[in-house]
Amino acid sequence: MTMNYTHFSDLEKEAQPPDKGILSRTLFNDDRLKVVLFGFAQAEELSEHTASMPAVLHFLQGQAKLTLADDTLDATPGTWVHMPAGLRHSIQAKTPVVMLLLLLK
C-alpha cells in the first residue's frame, strides 16, 4: 500500500526572498494543517494582525523584528514560536527573510 506524503529537501530554496515585496507559497493544506512558506524582501512588513487559529512561526533565513502582543523580539534562523489563536503579532524583515507558517486547524 502506498501512502501519500509531502516532501521538500530544502525549504529555503522553495521561497527565495524577492527583491521587493513578500512572496507566499502554500506548501500543504488539508483539514488539520495549512503550511505556508514566506519570503520577505528587506524592510518588508506584515502589519499587526491576528489569526483565527493557533499558528507556528519558524524562521529559516534572515533577521526580523517580531512583535507578539506587547513583546518585541529578534527573530533569526532557528527562531520558533507557537501562537494561540487571537494573538496580535507583526513581522518586519531587517534583512531578506524566509519563514515557515503552520496554521493548526
N, C-alpha and C. Protein backbone atom coordinates (compact mmCIF):
# COMPACT_ATOMS: atom_id res chain seq x y z
N MET A 1 0.84 -1.19 0.00
CA MET A 1 0.00 0.00 0.00
C MET A 1 0.88 1.24 0.00
N THR A 2 0.61 2.16 -0.90
CA THR A 2 1.37 3.40 -0.99
C THR A 2 0.66 4.48 -0.20
N MET A 3 1.43 5.18 0.65
CA MET A 3 0.87 6.30 1.43
C MET A 3 1.34 7.60 0.77
N ASN A 4 0.46 8.57 0.69
CA ASN A 4 0.84 9.87 0.15
C ASN A 4 1.58 10.67 1.20
N TYR A 5 2.56 11.42 0.77
CA TYR A 5 3.28 12.31 1.67
C TYR A 5 3.77 13.51 0.88
N THR A 6 4.18 14.54 1.60
CA THR A 6 4.72 15.75 1.00
C THR A 6 6.15 15.89 1.46
N HIS A 7 7.06 16.17 0.54
CA HIS A 7 8.49 16.24 0.87
C HIS A 7 9.14 17.43 0.17
N PHE A 8 9.91 18.19 0.92
CA PHE A 8 10.75 19.27 0.39
C PHE A 8 12.14 19.07 0.97
N SER A 9 13.15 18.96 0.13
CA SER A 9 14.50 18.70 0.64
C SER A 9 15.19 19.96 1.16
N ASP A 10 14.75 21.15 0.73
CA ASP A 10 15.36 22.40 1.19
C ASP A 10 14.33 23.52 1.14
N LEU A 11 13.70 23.79 2.27
CA LEU A 11 12.63 24.80 2.31
C LEU A 11 13.10 26.18 1.91
N GLU A 12 14.33 26.55 2.28
CA GLU A 12 14.83 27.88 1.93
C GLU A 12 14.81 28.12 0.43
N LYS A 13 15.09 27.10 -0.36
CA LYS A 13 15.11 27.24 -1.82
C LYS A 13 13.71 27.33 -2.40
N GLU A 14 12.70 26.95 -1.66
CA GLU A 14 11.32 27.00 -2.14
C GLU A 14 10.74 28.41 -2.14
N ALA A 15 11.32 29.32 -1.37
CA ALA A 15 10.81 30.71 -1.30
C ALA A 15 11.95 31.68 -1.11
N GLN A 16 12.79 31.80 -2.11
CA GLN A 16 13.85 32.80 -2.01
C GLN A 16 13.20 34.18 -1.91
N PRO A 17 13.67 35.02 -0.98
CA PRO A 17 13.07 36.34 -0.83
C PRO A 17 13.17 37.15 -2.13
N PRO A 18 12.10 37.83 -2.49
CA PRO A 18 12.13 38.67 -3.69
C PRO A 18 12.92 39.95 -3.43
N ASP A 19 13.24 40.69 -4.49
CA ASP A 19 13.92 41.98 -4.34
C ASP A 19 13.00 43.01 -3.69
N LYS A 20 11.70 42.91 -3.98
CA LYS A 20 10.70 43.80 -3.39
C LYS A 20 9.47 42.97 -3.07
N GLY A 21 8.80 43.32 -1.98
CA GLY A 21 7.54 42.67 -1.65
C GLY A 21 7.68 41.42 -0.80
N ILE A 22 6.59 40.69 -0.74
CA ILE A 22 6.50 39.47 0.06
C ILE A 22 5.95 38.36 -0.84
N LEU A 23 6.66 37.24 -0.87
CA LEU A 23 6.23 36.07 -1.61
C LEU A 23 5.63 35.08 -0.63
N SER A 24 4.48 34.50 -0.94
CA SER A 24 3.95 33.43 -0.09
C SER A 24 3.56 32.26 -0.99
N ARG A 25 3.83 31.06 -0.50
CA ARG A 25 3.55 29.85 -1.27
C ARG A 25 2.97 28.81 -0.32
N THR A 26 1.76 28.35 -0.59
CA THR A 26 1.17 27.28 0.20
C THR A 26 1.81 25.95 -0.21
N LEU A 27 2.43 25.29 0.76
CA LEU A 27 3.10 24.02 0.50
C LEU A 27 2.21 22.82 0.79
N PHE A 28 1.25 23.00 1.71
CA PHE A 28 0.39 21.90 2.12
C PHE A 28 -0.88 22.48 2.72
N ASN A 29 -2.00 21.80 2.47
CA ASN A 29 -3.28 22.26 3.05
C ASN A 29 -4.23 21.07 3.11
N ASP A 30 -4.66 20.74 4.33
CA ASP A 30 -5.70 19.73 4.48
C ASP A 30 -6.65 20.19 5.58
N ASP A 31 -7.47 19.29 6.11
CA ASP A 31 -8.47 19.70 7.09
C ASP A 31 -7.90 19.98 8.47
N ARG A 32 -6.60 19.69 8.71
CA ARG A 32 -6.00 19.91 10.03
C ARG A 32 -4.83 20.88 10.03
N LEU A 33 -4.22 21.11 8.87
CA LEU A 33 -2.98 21.89 8.81
C LEU A 33 -2.86 22.63 7.49
N LYS A 34 -2.42 23.88 7.56
CA LYS A 34 -2.04 24.64 6.37
C LYS A 34 -0.61 25.11 6.58
N VAL A 35 0.24 24.87 5.59
CA VAL A 35 1.65 25.24 5.66
C VAL A 35 1.94 26.25 4.56
N VAL A 36 2.44 27.43 4.96
CA VAL A 36 2.74 28.49 4.01
C VAL A 36 4.18 28.93 4.22
N LEU A 37 4.93 29.01 3.13
CA LEU A 37 6.31 29.48 3.17
C LEU A 37 6.34 30.92 2.67
N PHE A 38 6.98 31.80 3.43
CA PHE A 38 7.07 33.22 3.08
C PHE A 38 8.50 33.60 2.76
N GLY A 39 8.66 34.47 1.77
CA GLY A 39 9.92 35.14 1.50
C GLY A 39 9.67 36.63 1.57
N PHE A 40 10.38 37.32 2.46
CA PHE A 40 10.24 38.76 2.64
C PHE A 40 11.46 39.48 2.08
N ALA A 41 11.27 40.50 1.28
CA ALA A 41 12.37 41.38 0.90
C ALA A 41 12.76 42.19 2.13
N GLN A 42 13.99 42.66 2.14
CA GLN A 42 14.44 43.50 3.25
C GLN A 42 13.51 44.69 3.43
N ALA A 43 13.16 44.99 4.67
CA ALA A 43 12.32 46.12 5.08
C ALA A 43 10.83 45.91 4.82
N GLU A 44 10.44 44.76 4.30
CA GLU A 44 9.00 44.48 4.13
C GLU A 44 8.40 44.12 5.48
N GLU A 45 7.08 44.33 5.60
CA GLU A 45 6.43 44.14 6.89
C GLU A 45 5.03 43.55 6.71
N LEU A 46 4.68 42.63 7.59
CA LEU A 46 3.29 42.23 7.77
C LEU A 46 2.80 43.00 8.98
N SER A 47 1.89 43.94 8.75
CA SER A 47 1.42 44.78 9.85
C SER A 47 0.65 43.95 10.88
N GLU A 48 0.43 44.53 12.04
CA GLU A 48 -0.20 43.82 13.15
C GLU A 48 -1.54 43.22 12.72
N HIS A 49 -1.72 41.95 13.08
CA HIS A 49 -2.95 41.23 12.78
C HIS A 49 -3.08 40.06 13.75
N THR A 50 -4.18 39.34 13.66
CA THR A 50 -4.39 38.14 14.47
C THR A 50 -4.76 37.00 13.53
N ALA A 51 -4.64 35.79 14.03
CA ALA A 51 -5.08 34.60 13.29
C ALA A 51 -6.22 33.96 14.05
N SER A 52 -7.15 33.38 13.33
CA SER A 52 -8.32 32.77 13.96
C SER A 52 -8.04 31.36 14.48
N MET A 53 -6.81 30.88 14.27
CA MET A 53 -6.43 29.55 14.73
C MET A 53 -5.01 29.59 15.28
N PRO A 54 -4.61 28.63 16.09
CA PRO A 54 -3.24 28.59 16.58
C PRO A 54 -2.27 28.49 15.39
N ALA A 55 -1.07 29.01 15.58
CA ALA A 55 -0.09 29.03 14.50
C ALA A 55 1.32 28.86 15.05
N VAL A 56 2.21 28.38 14.18
CA VAL A 56 3.62 28.25 14.50
C VAL A 56 4.40 29.03 13.44
N LEU A 57 5.34 29.85 13.90
CA LEU A 57 6.28 30.55 13.02
C LEU A 57 7.64 29.91 13.19
N HIS A 58 8.31 29.61 12.08
CA HIS A 58 9.66 29.06 12.13
C HIS A 58 10.50 29.85 11.12
N PHE A 59 11.45 30.62 11.64
CA PHE A 59 12.31 31.44 10.78
C PHE A 59 13.48 30.60 10.29
N LEU A 60 13.67 30.58 8.97
CA LEU A 60 14.68 29.74 8.34
C LEU A 60 15.90 30.53 7.87
N GLN A 61 15.69 31.79 7.53
CA GLN A 61 16.76 32.61 6.97
C GLN A 61 16.51 34.07 7.30
N GLY A 62 17.58 34.83 7.56
CA GLY A 62 17.48 36.27 7.74
C GLY A 62 17.20 36.70 9.16
N GLN A 63 16.96 38.00 9.31
CA GLN A 63 16.69 38.60 10.61
C GLN A 63 15.44 39.47 10.51
N ALA A 64 14.59 39.37 11.53
CA ALA A 64 13.34 40.13 11.53
C ALA A 64 13.05 40.63 12.93
N LYS A 65 12.23 41.67 12.98
CA LYS A 65 11.67 42.13 14.25
C LYS A 65 10.28 41.51 14.33
N LEU A 66 10.05 40.77 15.40
CA LEU A 66 8.80 40.06 15.60
C LEU A 66 8.11 40.66 16.81
N THR A 67 6.87 41.09 16.64
CA THR A 67 6.09 41.61 17.75
C THR A 67 4.98 40.62 18.06
N LEU A 68 4.94 40.19 19.33
CA LEU A 68 3.92 39.26 19.82
C LEU A 68 3.22 39.94 20.99
N ALA A 69 1.97 40.35 20.78
CA ALA A 69 1.23 41.14 21.77
C ALA A 69 2.06 42.38 22.09
N ASP A 70 2.51 42.56 23.34
CA ASP A 70 3.28 43.74 23.72
C ASP A 70 4.79 43.49 23.74
N ASP A 71 5.23 42.31 23.31
CA ASP A 71 6.66 41.97 23.32
C ASP A 71 7.25 42.12 21.93
N THR A 72 8.46 42.67 21.87
CA THR A 72 9.21 42.78 20.62
C THR A 72 10.46 41.92 20.74
N LEU A 73 10.64 41.02 19.78
CA LEU A 73 11.73 40.05 19.81
C LEU A 73 12.51 40.10 18.50
N ASP A 74 13.77 39.66 18.55
CA ASP A 74 14.55 39.46 17.34
C ASP A 74 14.33 38.03 16.88
N ALA A 75 14.04 37.85 15.60
CA ALA A 75 13.90 36.52 15.02
C ALA A 75 15.07 36.29 14.07
N THR A 76 15.75 35.17 14.26
CA THR A 76 16.90 34.79 13.45
C THR A 76 16.70 33.33 13.02
N PRO A 77 17.54 32.81 12.14
CA PRO A 77 17.36 31.42 11.72
C PRO A 77 17.30 30.49 12.93
N GLY A 78 16.26 29.67 12.95
CA GLY A 78 16.05 28.76 14.08
C GLY A 78 15.01 29.25 15.06
N THR A 79 14.62 30.53 15.00
CA THR A 79 13.58 31.03 15.90
C THR A 79 12.27 30.29 15.61
N TRP A 80 11.62 29.83 16.68
CA TRP A 80 10.38 29.06 16.58
C TRP A 80 9.40 29.60 17.61
N VAL A 81 8.18 29.89 17.17
CA VAL A 81 7.17 30.47 18.05
C VAL A 81 5.83 29.77 17.84
N HIS A 82 5.19 29.37 18.94
CA HIS A 82 3.81 28.90 18.90
C HIS A 82 2.94 30.04 19.38
N MET A 83 1.89 30.37 18.61
CA MET A 83 0.98 31.46 18.98
C MET A 83 -0.44 30.91 19.13
N PRO A 84 -1.12 31.26 20.21
CA PRO A 84 -2.52 30.86 20.33
C PRO A 84 -3.38 31.70 19.37
N ALA A 85 -4.55 31.21 19.05
CA ALA A 85 -5.48 31.97 18.22
C ALA A 85 -5.75 33.33 18.87
N GLY A 86 -5.84 34.36 18.05
CA GLY A 86 -6.18 35.69 18.53
C GLY A 86 -5.01 36.54 19.01
N LEU A 87 -3.79 36.01 19.04
CA LEU A 87 -2.64 36.79 19.50
C LEU A 87 -2.26 37.85 18.45
N ARG A 88 -2.17 39.10 18.89
CA ARG A 88 -1.71 40.16 17.99
C ARG A 88 -0.23 39.94 17.67
N HIS A 89 0.12 40.07 16.38
CA HIS A 89 1.52 39.91 16.01
C HIS A 89 1.82 40.65 14.71
N SER A 90 3.10 40.96 14.51
CA SER A 90 3.56 41.58 13.26
C SER A 90 4.99 41.14 13.02
N ILE A 91 5.43 41.28 11.77
CA ILE A 91 6.78 40.86 11.37
C ILE A 91 7.36 41.94 10.47
N GLN A 92 8.58 42.37 10.78
CA GLN A 92 9.28 43.33 9.94
C GLN A 92 10.66 42.75 9.61
N ALA A 93 10.92 42.57 8.32
CA ALA A 93 12.19 41.98 7.87
C ALA A 93 13.30 43.02 7.94
N LYS A 94 14.35 42.72 8.70
CA LYS A 94 15.54 43.58 8.76
C LYS A 94 16.47 43.26 7.59
N THR A 95 16.47 42.00 7.18
CA THR A 95 17.22 41.50 6.03
C THR A 95 16.25 40.66 5.22
N PRO A 96 16.63 40.15 4.07
CA PRO A 96 15.75 39.20 3.40
C PRO A 96 15.48 38.01 4.34
N VAL A 97 14.22 37.58 4.41
CA VAL A 97 13.79 36.57 5.39
C VAL A 97 13.01 35.45 4.68
N VAL A 98 13.24 34.23 5.14
CA VAL A 98 12.39 33.08 4.77
C VAL A 98 11.79 32.55 6.07
N MET A 99 10.45 32.41 6.08
CA MET A 99 9.74 31.98 7.28
C MET A 99 8.67 30.96 6.92
N LEU A 100 8.56 29.92 7.72
CA LEU A 100 7.53 28.90 7.54
C LEU A 100 6.40 29.18 8.54
N LEU A 101 5.18 29.19 8.05
CA LEU A 101 3.98 29.38 8.87
C LEU A 101 3.17 28.09 8.86
N LEU A 102 2.83 27.59 10.03
CA LEU A 102 1.96 26.43 10.18
C LEU A 102 0.67 26.90 10.85
N LEU A 103 -0.44 26.77 10.17
CA LEU A 103 -1.74 27.11 10.75
C LEU A 103 -2.41 25.81 11.17
N LEU A 104 -2.71 25.71 12.47
CA LEU A 104 -3.25 24.48 13.05
C LEU A 104 -4.77 24.60 13.12
N LYS A 105 -5.44 23.86 12.28
CA LYS A 105 -6.90 23.97 12.16
C LYS A 105 -7.62 23.16 13.21
